[in-house]
Amino acid sequence: MNERIRELADEAAKFSAIMALPADESGDKLFVEKFAELIVADCLKQIKDGLVDESELLYEHDETTECVNEALMDAHHNIAIYFGFAEQFGVEE
């Protein structure tokens, strides 16, 4: 298992342990929901972090980088909308 996935699973486990009532079976459901949320949120963060700032471009007319940035922003937008994170991540429909 990837180290980042392990970290997210640990974070989800802590959340579900705190939120679940004693002798309550909702802990597993809370874990799965939180784990999925953390994975998607991490993916969205990776997409945003992958964007290249225009100030970092080596050439004034680097159309490839502009196209990649546009594709990444589209992906970020679509994922946020699809998973219902639009509000949470400030993505407008």
PDB file of N, CA and C in Angstrom:
ATOM      1  N   MET A   1       0.840  -1.177   0.000  1.00  0.00           N
ATOM      2  CA  MET A   1       0.000   0.000   0.000  1.00  0.00           C
ATOM      3  C   MET A   1       0.890   1.247   0.000  1.00  0.00           C
ATOM      4  N   ASN A   2       0.527   2.198  -0.808  1.00  0.00           N
ATOM      5  CA  ASN A   2       1.203   3.472  -0.921  1.00  0.00           C
ATOM      6  C   ASN A   2       1.211   4.191   0.440  1.00  0.00           C
ATOM      7  N   GLU A   3       2.295   4.856   0.766  1.00  0.00           N
ATOM      8  CA  GLU A   3       2.425   5.539   2.054  1.00  0.00           C
ATOM      9  C   GLU A   3       1.365   6.622   2.236  1.00  0.00           C
ATOM     10  N   ARG A   4       1.060   7.365   1.177  1.00  0.00           N
ATOM     11  CA  ARG A   4       0.046   8.425   1.280  1.00  0.00           C
ATOM     12  C   ARG A   4      -1.334   7.821   1.560  1.00  0.00           C
ATOM     13  N   ILE A   5      -1.658   6.702   0.916  1.00  0.00           N
ATOM     14  CA  ILE A   5      -2.944   6.025   1.155  1.00  0.00           C
ATOM     15  C   ILE A   5      -3.003   5.566   2.611  1.00  0.00           C
ATOM     16  N   ARG A   6      -1.900   5.065   3.122  1.00  0.00           N
ATOM     17  CA  ARG A   6      -1.841   4.624   4.516  1.00  0.00           C
ATOM     18  C   ARG A   6      -2.101   5.808   5.463  1.00  0.00           C
ATOM     19  N   GLU A   7      -1.509   6.956   5.162  1.00  0.00           N
ATOM     20  CA  GLU A   7      -1.728   8.148   5.983  1.00  0.00           C
ATOM     21  C   GLU A   7      -3.199   8.573   5.957  1.00  0.00           C
ATOM     22  N   LEU A   8      -3.800   8.545   4.765  1.00  0.00           N
ATOM     23  CA  LEU A   8      -5.210   8.926   4.653  1.00  0.00           C
ATOM     24  C   LEU A   8      -6.105   7.930   5.384  1.00  0.00           C
ATOM     25  N   ALA A   9      -5.760   6.636   5.311  1.00  0.00           N
ATOM     26  CA  ALA A   9      -6.536   5.612   6.018  1.00  0.00           C
ATOM     27  C   ALA A   9      -6.440   5.826   7.532  1.00  0.00           C
ATOM     28  N   ASP A  10      -5.257   6.167   8.010  1.00  0.00           N
ATOM     29  CA  ASP A  10      -5.089   6.443   9.445  1.00  0.00           C
ATOM     30  C   ASP A  10      -5.926   7.643   9.873  1.00  0.00           C
ATOM     31  N   GLU A  11      -5.916   8.678   9.049  1.00  0.00           N
ATOM     32  CA  GLU A  11      -6.697   9.876   9.357  1.00  0.00           C
ATOM     33  C   GLU A  11      -8.199   9.553   9.378  1.00  0.00           C
ATOM     34  N   ALA A  12      -8.651   8.755   8.406  1.00  0.00           N
ATOM     35  CA  ALA A  12     -10.062   8.361   8.353  1.00  0.00           C
ATOM     36  C   ALA A  12     -10.424   7.491   9.553  1.00  0.00           C
ATOM     37  N   ALA A  13      -9.511   6.612   9.959  1.00  0.00           N
ATOM     38  CA  ALA A  13      -9.771   5.737  11.109  1.00  0.00           C
ATOM     39  C   ALA A  13      -9.918   6.555  12.386  1.00  0.00           C
ATOM     40  N   LYS A  14      -9.059   7.557  12.551  1.00  0.00           N
ATOM     41  CA  LYS A  14      -9.163   8.418  13.726  1.00  0.00           C
ATOM     42  C   LYS A  14     -10.491   9.160  13.728  1.00  0.00           C
ATOM     43  N   PHE A  15     -10.887   9.678  12.563  1.00  0.00           N
ATOM     44  CA  PHE A  15     -12.148  10.397  12.451  1.00  0.00           C
ATOM     45  C   PHE A  15     -13.326   9.492  12.801  1.00  0.00           C
ATOM     46  N   SER A  16     -13.344   8.288  12.220  1.00  0.00           N
ATOM     47  CA  SER A  16     -14.481   7.390  12.455  1.00  0.00           C
ATOM     48  C   SER A  16     -14.517   6.909  13.904  1.00  0.00           C
ATOM     49  N   ALA A  17     -13.356   6.749  14.530  1.00  0.00           N
ATOM     50  CA  ALA A  17     -13.324   6.329  15.939  1.00  0.00           C
ATOM     51  C   ALA A  17     -13.875   7.432  16.842  1.00  0.00           C
ATOM     52  N   ILE A  18     -13.589   8.665  16.501  1.00  0.00           N
ATOM     53  CA  ILE A  18     -14.084   9.793  17.296  1.00  0.00           C
ATOM     54  C   ILE A  18     -15.588   9.988  17.101  1.00  0.00           C
ATOM     55  N   MET A  19     -16.043   9.853  15.845  1.00  0.00           N
ATOM     56  CA  MET A  19     -17.435  10.157  15.521  1.00  0.00           C
ATOM     57  C   MET A  19     -18.412   9.021  15.840  1.00  0.00           C
ATOM     58  N   ALA A  20     -17.938   7.782  15.833  1.00  0.00           N
ATOM     59  CA  ALA A  20     -18.833   6.643  16.064  1.00  0.00           C
ATOM     60  C   ALA A  20     -19.136   6.508  17.552  1.00  0.00           C
ATOM     61  N   LEU A  21     -20.366   6.223  17.843  1.00  0.00           N
ATOM     62  CA  LEU A  21     -20.758   5.996  19.230  1.00  0.00           C
ATOM     63  C   LEU A  21     -20.291   4.615  19.665  1.00  0.00           C
ATOM     64  N   PRO A  22     -20.039   4.410  20.968  1.00  0.00           N
ATOM     65  CA  PRO A  22     -19.632   3.084  21.436  1.00  0.00           C
ATOM     66  C   PRO A  22     -20.673   2.025  21.042  1.00  0.00           C
ATOM     67  N   ALA A  23     -20.214   0.866  20.640  1.00  0.00           N
ATOM     68  CA  ALA A  23     -21.058  -0.255  20.227  1.00  0.00           C
ATOM     69  C   ALA A  23     -21.956   0.117  19.052  1.00  0.00           C
ATOM     70  N   ASP A  24     -21.521   1.056  18.251  1.00  0.00           N
ATOM     71  CA  ASP A  24     -22.282   1.498  17.085  1.00  0.00           C
ATOM     72  C   ASP A  24     -21.588   0.969  15.836  1.00  0.00           C
ATOM     73  N   GLU A  25     -22.346   0.430  14.913  1.00  0.00           N
ATOM     74  CA  GLU A  25     -21.761  -0.126  13.689  1.00  0.00           C
ATOM     75  C   GLU A  25     -21.506   0.942  12.630  1.00  0.00           C
ATOM     76  N   SER A  26     -21.823   2.188  12.947  1.00  0.00           N
ATOM     77  CA  SER A  26     -21.631   3.249  11.956  1.00  0.00           C
ATOM     78  C   SER A  26     -20.159   3.594  11.752  1.00  0.00           C
ATOM     79  N   GLY A  27     -19.292   3.098  12.615  1.00  0.00           N
ATOM     80  CA  GLY A  27     -17.864   3.393  12.492  1.00  0.00           C
ATOM     81  C   GLY A  27     -17.287   2.974  11.159  1.00  0.00           C
ATOM     82  N   ASP A  28     -17.662   1.786  10.663  1.00  0.00           N
ATOM     83  CA  ASP A  28     -17.163   1.318   9.366  1.00  0.00           C
ATOM     84  C   ASP A  28     -17.650   2.219   8.239  1.00  0.00           C
ATOM     85  N   LYS A  29     -18.912   2.600   8.293  1.00  0.00           N
ATOM     86  CA  LYS A  29     -19.473   3.467   7.260  1.00  0.00           C
ATOM     87  C   LYS A  29     -18.794   4.832   7.300  1.00  0.00           C
ATOM     88  N   LEU A  30     -18.615   5.370   8.499  1.00  0.00           N
ATOM     89  CA  LEU A  30     -17.937   6.655   8.639  1.00  0.00           C
ATOM     90  C   LEU A  30     -16.512   6.580   8.102  1.00  0.00           C
ATOM     91  N   PHE A  31     -15.818   5.464   8.389  1.00  0.00           N
ATOM     92  CA  PHE A  31     -14.455   5.300   7.898  1.00  0.00           C
ATOM     93  C   PHE A  31     -14.421   5.323   6.381  1.00  0.00           C
ATOM     94  N   VAL A  32     -15.287   4.535   5.747  1.00  0.00           N
ATOM     95  CA  VAL A  32     -15.297   4.443   4.283  1.00  0.00           C
ATOM     96  C   VAL A  32     -15.605   5.803   3.665  1.00  0.00           C
ATOM     97  N   GLU A  33     -16.617   6.485   4.209  1.00  0.00           N
ATOM     98  CA  GLU A  33     -16.987   7.796   3.668  1.00  0.00           C
ATOM     99  C   GLU A  33     -15.858   8.807   3.834  1.00  0.00           C
ATOM    100  N   LYS A  34     -15.255   8.848   5.016  1.00  0.00           N
ATOM    101  CA  LYS A  34     -14.170   9.800   5.268  1.00  0.00           C
ATOM    102  C   LYS A  34     -12.944   9.458   4.433  1.00  0.00           C
ATOM    103  N   PHE A  35     -12.631   8.175   4.318  1.00  0.00           N
ATOM    104  CA  PHE A  35     -11.484   7.739   3.530  1.00  0.00           C
ATOM    105  C   PHE A  35     -11.656   8.157   2.075  1.00  0.00           C
ATOM    106  N   ALA A  36     -12.842   7.927   1.525  1.00  0.00           N
ATOM    107  CA  ALA A  36     -13.116   8.322   0.139  1.00  0.00           C
ATOM    108  C   ALA A  36     -13.008   9.837  -0.013  1.00  0.00           C
ATOM    109  N   GLU A  37     -13.555  10.570   0.944  1.00  0.00           N
ATOM    110  CA  GLU A  37     -13.487  12.031   0.889  1.00  0.00           C
ATOM    111  C   GLU A  37     -12.041  12.513   0.913  1.00  0.00           C
ATOM    112  N   LEU A  38     -11.234  11.919   1.782  1.00  0.00           N
ATOM    113  CA  LEU A  38      -9.827  12.316   1.883  1.00  0.00           C
ATOM    114  C   LEU A  38      -9.053  11.999   0.608  1.00  0.00           C
ATOM    115  N   ILE A  39      -9.345  10.867  -0.014  1.00  0.00           N
ATOM    116  CA  ILE A  39      -8.656  10.506  -1.257  1.00  0.00           C
ATOM    117  C   ILE A  39      -9.000  11.507  -2.354  1.00  0.00           C
ATOM    118  N   VAL A  40     -10.279  11.802  -2.524  1.00  0.00           N
ATOM    119  CA  VAL A  40     -10.692  12.746  -3.561  1.00  0.00           C
ATOM    120  C   VAL A  40     -10.108  14.131  -3.281  1.00  0.00           C
ATOM    121  N   ALA A  41     -10.155  14.566  -2.022  1.00  0.00           N
ATOM    122  CA  ALA A  41      -9.593  15.873  -1.666  1.00  0.00           C
ATOM    123  C   ALA A  41      -8.096  15.921  -1.965  1.00  0.00           C
ATOM    124  N   ASP A  42      -7.397  14.833  -1.689  1.00  0.00           N
ATOM    125  CA  ASP A  42      -5.969  14.780  -1.966  1.00  0.00           C
ATOM    126  C   ASP A  42      -5.702  14.815  -3.469  1.00  0.00           C
ATOM    127  N   CYS A  43      -6.538  14.129  -4.233  1.00  0.00           N
ATOM    128  CA  CYS A  43      -6.404  14.160  -5.697  1.00  0.00           C
ATOM    129  C   CYS A  43      -6.607  15.577  -6.219  1.00  0.00           C
ATOM    130  N   LEU A  44      -7.633  16.260  -5.711  1.00  0.00           N
ATOM    131  CA  LEU A  44      -7.880  17.638  -6.136  1.00  0.00           C
ATOM    132  C   LEU A  44      -6.690  18.534  -5.784  1.00  0.00           C
ATOM    133  N   LYS A  45      -6.117  18.313  -4.609  1.00  0.00           N
ATOM    134  CA  LYS A  45      -4.949  19.110  -4.209  1.00  0.00           C
ATOM    135  C   LYS A  45      -3.776  18.850  -5.156  1.00  0.00           C
ATOM    136  N   GLN A  46      -3.567  17.580  -5.509  1.00  0.00           N
ATOM    137  CA  GLN A  46      -2.473  17.239  -6.419  1.00  0.00           C
ATOM    138  C   GLN A  46      -2.674  17.891  -7.785  1.00  0.00           C
ATOM    139  N   ILE A  47      -3.922  17.925  -8.241  1.00  0.00           N
ATOM    140  CA  ILE A  47      -4.201  18.570  -9.522  1.00  0.00           C
ATOM    141  C   ILE A  47      -3.857  20.053  -9.445  1.00  0.00           C
ATOM    142  N   LYS A  48      -4.336  20.720  -8.388  1.00  0.00           N
ATOM    143  CA  LYS A  48      -4.048  22.153  -8.249  1.00  0.00           C
ATOM    144  C   LYS A  48      -2.555  22.402  -8.108  1.00  0.00           C
ATOM    145  N   ASP A  49      -1.875  21.548  -7.364  1.00  0.00           N
ATOM    146  CA  ASP A  49      -0.429  21.711  -7.178  1.00  0.00           C
ATOM    147  C   ASP A  49       0.341  21.468  -8.476  1.00  0.00           C
ATOM    148  N   GLY A  50      -0.271  20.740  -9.411  1.00  0.00           N
ATOM    149  CA  GLY A  50       0.386  20.447 -10.680  1.00  0.00           C
ATOM    150  C   GLY A  50       0.338  21.585 -11.675  1.00  0.00           C
ATOM    151  N   LEU A  51      -0.495  22.573 -11.394  1.00  0.00           N
ATOM    152  CA  LEU A  51      -0.595  23.709 -12.303  1.00  0.00           C
ATOM    153  C   LEU A  51       0.707  24.493 -12.303  1.00  0.00           C
ATOM    154  N   VAL A  52       1.086  24.967 -13.459  1.00  0.00           N
ATOM    155  CA  VAL A  52       2.312  25.746 -13.588  1.00  0.00           C
ATOM    156  C   VAL A  52       1.941  27.216 -13.618  1.00  0.00           C
ATOM    157  N   ASP A  53       2.537  27.971 -12.732  1.00  0.00           N
ATOM    158  CA  ASP A  53       2.306  29.410 -12.695  1.00  0.00           C
ATOM    159  C   ASP A  53       2.930  30.027 -13.944  1.00  0.00           C
ATOM    160  N   GLU A  54       2.222  30.983 -14.528  1.00  0.00           N
ATOM    161  CA  GLU A  54       2.735  31.615 -15.748  1.00  0.00           C
ATOM    162  C   GLU A  54       4.107  32.237 -15.536  1.00  0.00           C
ATOM    163  N   SER A  55       4.406  32.643 -14.315  1.00  0.00           N
ATOM    164  CA  SER A  55       5.713  33.247 -14.045  1.00  0.00           C
ATOM    165  C   SER A  55       6.837  32.225 -14.113  1.00  0.00           C
ATOM    166  N   GLU A  56       6.485  30.933 -14.066  1.00  0.00           N
ATOM    167  CA  GLU A  56       7.501  29.883 -14.106  1.00  0.00           C
ATOM    168  C   GLU A  56       7.797  29.402 -15.526  1.00  0.00           C
ATOM    169  N   LEU A  57       7.044  29.904 -16.512  1.00  0.00           N
ATOM    170  CA  LEU A  57       7.240  29.453 -17.889  1.00  0.00           C
ATOM    171  C   LEU A  57       8.603  29.903 -18.410  1.00  0.00           C
ATOM    172  N   LEU A  58       9.232  29.017 -19.154  1.00  0.00           N
ATOM    173  CA  LEU A  58      10.539  29.333 -19.717  1.00  0.00           C
ATOM    174  C   LEU A  58      10.411  30.200 -20.961  1.00  0.00           C
ATOM    175  N   TYR A  59       9.317  30.030 -21.676  1.00  0.00           N
ATOM    176  CA  TYR A  59       9.101  30.759 -22.919  1.00  0.00           C
ATOM    177  C   TYR A  59       7.817  31.564 -22.800  1.00  0.00           C
ATOM    178  N   GLU A  60       7.788  32.714 -23.436  1.00  0.00           N
ATOM    179  CA  GLU A  60       6.616  33.572 -23.360  1.00  0.00           C
ATOM    180  C   GLU A  60       5.376  32.896 -23.941  1.00  0.00           C
ATOM    181  N   HIS A  61       5.540  32.119 -24.973  1.00  0.00           N
ATOM    182  CA  HIS A  61       4.396  31.530 -25.677  1.00  0.00           C
ATOM    183  C   HIS A  61       4.387  30.016 -25.520  1.00  0.00           C
ATOM    184  N   ASP A  62       4.404  29.560 -24.319  1.00  0.00           N
ATOM    185  CA  ASP A  62       4.411  28.126 -24.066  1.00  0.00           C
ATOM    186  C   ASP A  62       2.965  27.609 -24.087  1.00  0.00           C
ATOM    187  N   GLU A  63       2.470  27.357 -25.312  1.00  0.00           N
ATOM    188  CA  GLU A  63       1.082  26.935 -25.492  1.00  0.00           C
ATOM    189  C   GLU A  63       0.817  25.567 -24.875  1.00  0.00           C
ATOM    190  N   THR A  64       1.814  24.712 -24.864  1.00  0.00           N
ATOM    191  CA  THR A  64       1.632  23.381 -24.289  1.00  0.00           C
ATOM    192  C   THR A  64       1.295  23.479 -22.811  1.00  0.00           C
ATOM    193  N   THR A  65       2.046  24.280 -22.087  1.00  0.00           N
ATOM    194  CA  THR A  65       1.788  24.443 -20.656  1.00  0.00           C
ATOM    195  C   THR A  65       0.417  25.055 -20.424  1.00  0.00           C
ATOM    196  N   GLU A  66       0.043  26.011 -21.226  1.00  0.00           N
ATOM    197  CA  GLU A  66      -1.272  26.621 -21.098  1.00  0.00           C
ATOM    198  C   GLU A  66      -2.368  25.589 -21.316  1.00  0.00           C
ATOM    199  N   CYS A  67      -2.197  24.725 -22.311  1.00  0.00           N
ATOM    200  CA  CYS A  67      -3.181  23.675 -22.591  1.00  0.00           C
ATOM    201  C   CYS A  67      -3.262  22.672 -21.442  1.00  0.00           C
ATOM    202  N   VAL A  68      -2.103  22.309 -20.905  1.00  0.00           N
ATOM    203  CA  VAL A  68      -2.072  21.373 -19.779  1.00  0.00           C
ATOM    204  C   VAL A  68      -2.752  22.001 -18.572  1.00  0.00           C
ATOM    205  N   ASN A  69      -2.457  23.254 -18.281  1.00  0.00           N
ATOM    206  CA  ASN A  69      -3.100  23.943 -17.162  1.00  0.00           C
ATOM    207  C   ASN A  69      -4.615  23.977 -17.342  1.00  0.00           C
ATOM    208  N   GLU A  70      -5.062  24.271 -18.543  1.00  0.00           N
ATOM    209  CA  GLU A  70      -6.499  24.322 -18.807  1.00  0.00           C
ATOM    210  C   GLU A  70      -7.135  22.947 -18.601  1.00  0.00           C
ATOM    211  N   ALA A  71      -6.469  21.904 -19.063  1.00  0.00           N
ATOM    212  CA  ALA A  71      -6.982  20.543 -18.885  1.00  0.00           C
ATOM    213  C   ALA A  71      -7.026  20.166 -17.410  1.00  0.00           C
ATOM    214  N   LEU A  72      -6.007  20.543 -16.652  1.00  0.00           N
ATOM    215  CA  LEU A  72      -5.986  20.253 -15.219  1.00  0.00           C
ATOM    216  C   LEU A  72      -7.102  20.997 -14.493  1.00  0.00           C
ATOM    217  N   MET A  73      -7.328  22.236 -14.852  1.00  0.00           N
ATOM    218  CA  MET A  73      -8.407  23.000 -14.217  1.00  0.00           C
ATOM    219  C   MET A  73      -9.770  22.391 -14.559  1.00  0.00           C
ATOM    220  N   ASP A  74      -9.940  21.944 -15.807  1.00  0.00           N
ATOM    221  CA  ASP A  74     -11.183  21.272 -16.185  1.00  0.00           C
ATOM    222  C   ASP A  74     -11.373  19.995 -15.378  1.00  0.00           C
ATOM    223  N   ALA A  75     -10.302  19.229 -15.218  1.00  0.00           N
ATOM    224  CA  ALA A  75     -10.376  17.990 -14.437  1.00  0.00           C
ATOM    225  C   ALA A  75     -10.726  18.299 -12.983  1.00  0.00           C
ATOM    226  N   HIS A  76     -10.079  19.295 -12.417  1.00  0.00           N
ATOM    227  CA  HIS A  76     -10.338  19.705 -11.037  1.00  0.00           C
ATOM    228  C   HIS A  76     -11.807  20.081 -10.878  1.00  0.00           C
ATOM    229  N   HIS A  77     -12.303  20.886 -11.794  1.00  0.00           N
ATOM    230  CA  HIS A  77     -13.695  21.330 -11.753  1.00  0.00           C
ATOM    231  C   HIS A  77     -14.654  20.142 -11.839  1.00  0.00           C
ATOM    232  N   ASN A  78     -14.424  19.261 -12.797  1.00  0.00           N
ATOM    233  CA  ASN A  78     -15.318  18.113 -13.001  1.00  0.00           C
ATOM    234  C   ASN A  78     -15.315  17.148 -11.820  1.00  0.00           C
ATOM    235  N   ILE A  79     -14.164  16.889 -11.253  1.00  0.00           N
ATOM    236  CA  ILE A  79     -14.075  15.995 -10.094  1.00  0.00           C
ATOM    237  C   ILE A  79     -14.794  16.622  -8.902  1.00  0.00           C
ATOM    238  N   ALA A  80     -14.558  17.901  -8.669  1.00  0.00           N
ATOM    239  CA  ALA A  80     -15.189  18.581  -7.537  1.00  0.00           C
ATOM    240  C   ALA A  80     -16.707  18.574  -7.678  1.00  0.00           C
ATOM    241  N   ILE A  81     -17.200  18.806  -8.865  1.00  0.00           N
ATOM    242  CA  ILE A  81     -18.646  18.802  -9.101  1.00  0.00           C
ATOM    243  C   ILE A  81     -19.192  17.385  -8.922  1.00  0.00           C
ATOM    244  N   TYR A  82     -18.537  16.405  -9.546  1.00  0.00           N
ATOM    245  CA  TYR A  82     -19.017  15.025  -9.529  1.00  0.00           C
ATOM    246  C   TYR A  82     -19.110  14.479  -8.106  1.00  0.00           C
ATOM    247  N   PHE A  83     -18.117  14.749  -7.297  1.00  0.00           N
ATOM    248  CA  PHE A  83     -18.099  14.216  -5.939  1.00  0.00           C
ATOM    249  C   PHE A  83     -18.771  15.142  -4.931  1.00  0.00           C
ATOM    250  N   GLY A  84     -19.387  16.208  -5.422  1.00  0.00           N
ATOM    251  CA  GLY A  84     -20.119  17.106  -4.537  1.00  0.00           C
ATOM    252  C   GLY A  84     -19.230  17.982  -3.686  1.00  0.00           C
ATOM    253  N   PHE A  85     -17.996  18.180  -4.106  1.00  0.00           N
ATOM    254  CA  PHE A  85     -17.066  18.996  -3.338  1.00  0.00           C
ATOM    255  C   PHE A  85     -16.982  20.418  -3.880  1.00  0.00           C
ATOM    256  N   ALA A  86     -17.863  20.767  -4.790  1.00  0.00           N
ATOM    257  CA  ALA A  86     -17.770  22.073  -5.446  1.00  0.00           C
ATOM    258  C   ALA A  86     -17.702  23.204  -4.428  1.00  0.00           C
ATOM    259  N   GLU A  87     -18.627  23.200  -3.473  1.00  0.00           N
ATOM    260  CA  GLU A  87     -18.645  24.256  -2.469  1.00  0.00           C
ATOM    261  C   GLU A  87     -17.402  24.219  -1.589  1.00  0.00           C
ATOM    262  N   GLN A  88     -17.070  23.028  -1.142  1.00  0.00           N
ATOM    263  CA  GLN A  88     -15.948  22.855  -0.219  1.00  0.00           C
ATOM    264  C   GLN A  88     -14.626  23.357  -0.818  1.00  0.00           C
ATOM    265  N   PHE A  89     -14.465  23.153  -2.137  1.00  0.00           N
ATOM    266  CA  PHE A  89     -13.210  23.531  -2.773  1.00  0.00           C
ATOM    267  C   PHE A  89     -13.325  24.791  -3.598  1.00  0.00           C
ATOM    268  N   GLY A  90     -14.456  25.495  -3.460  1.00  0.00           N
ATOM    269  CA  GLY A  90     -14.611  26.767  -4.139  1.00  0.00           C
ATOM    270  C   GLY A  90     -14.706  26.656  -5.645  1.00  0.00           C
ATOM    271  N   VAL A  91     -15.231  25.544  -6.139  1.00  0.00           N
ATOM    272  CA  VAL A  91     -15.395  25.363  -7.575  1.00  0.00           C
ATOM    273  C   VAL A  91     -16.823  25.748  -7.928  1.00  0.00           C
ATOM    274  N   GLU A  92     -16.959  26.675  -8.855  1.00  0.00           N
ATOM    275  CA  GLU A  92     -18.283  27.116  -9.267  1.00  0.00           C
ATOM    276  C   GLU A  92     -18.772  26.279 -10.434  1.00  0.00           C
ATOM    277  N   GLU A  93     -20.069  25.992 -10.449  1.00  0.00           N
ATOM    278  CA  GLU A  93     -20.646  25.207 -11.550  1.00  0.00           C
ATOM    279  C   GLU A  93     -20.803  26.060 -12.777  1.00  0.00           C
TER     280      GLU A  93
END
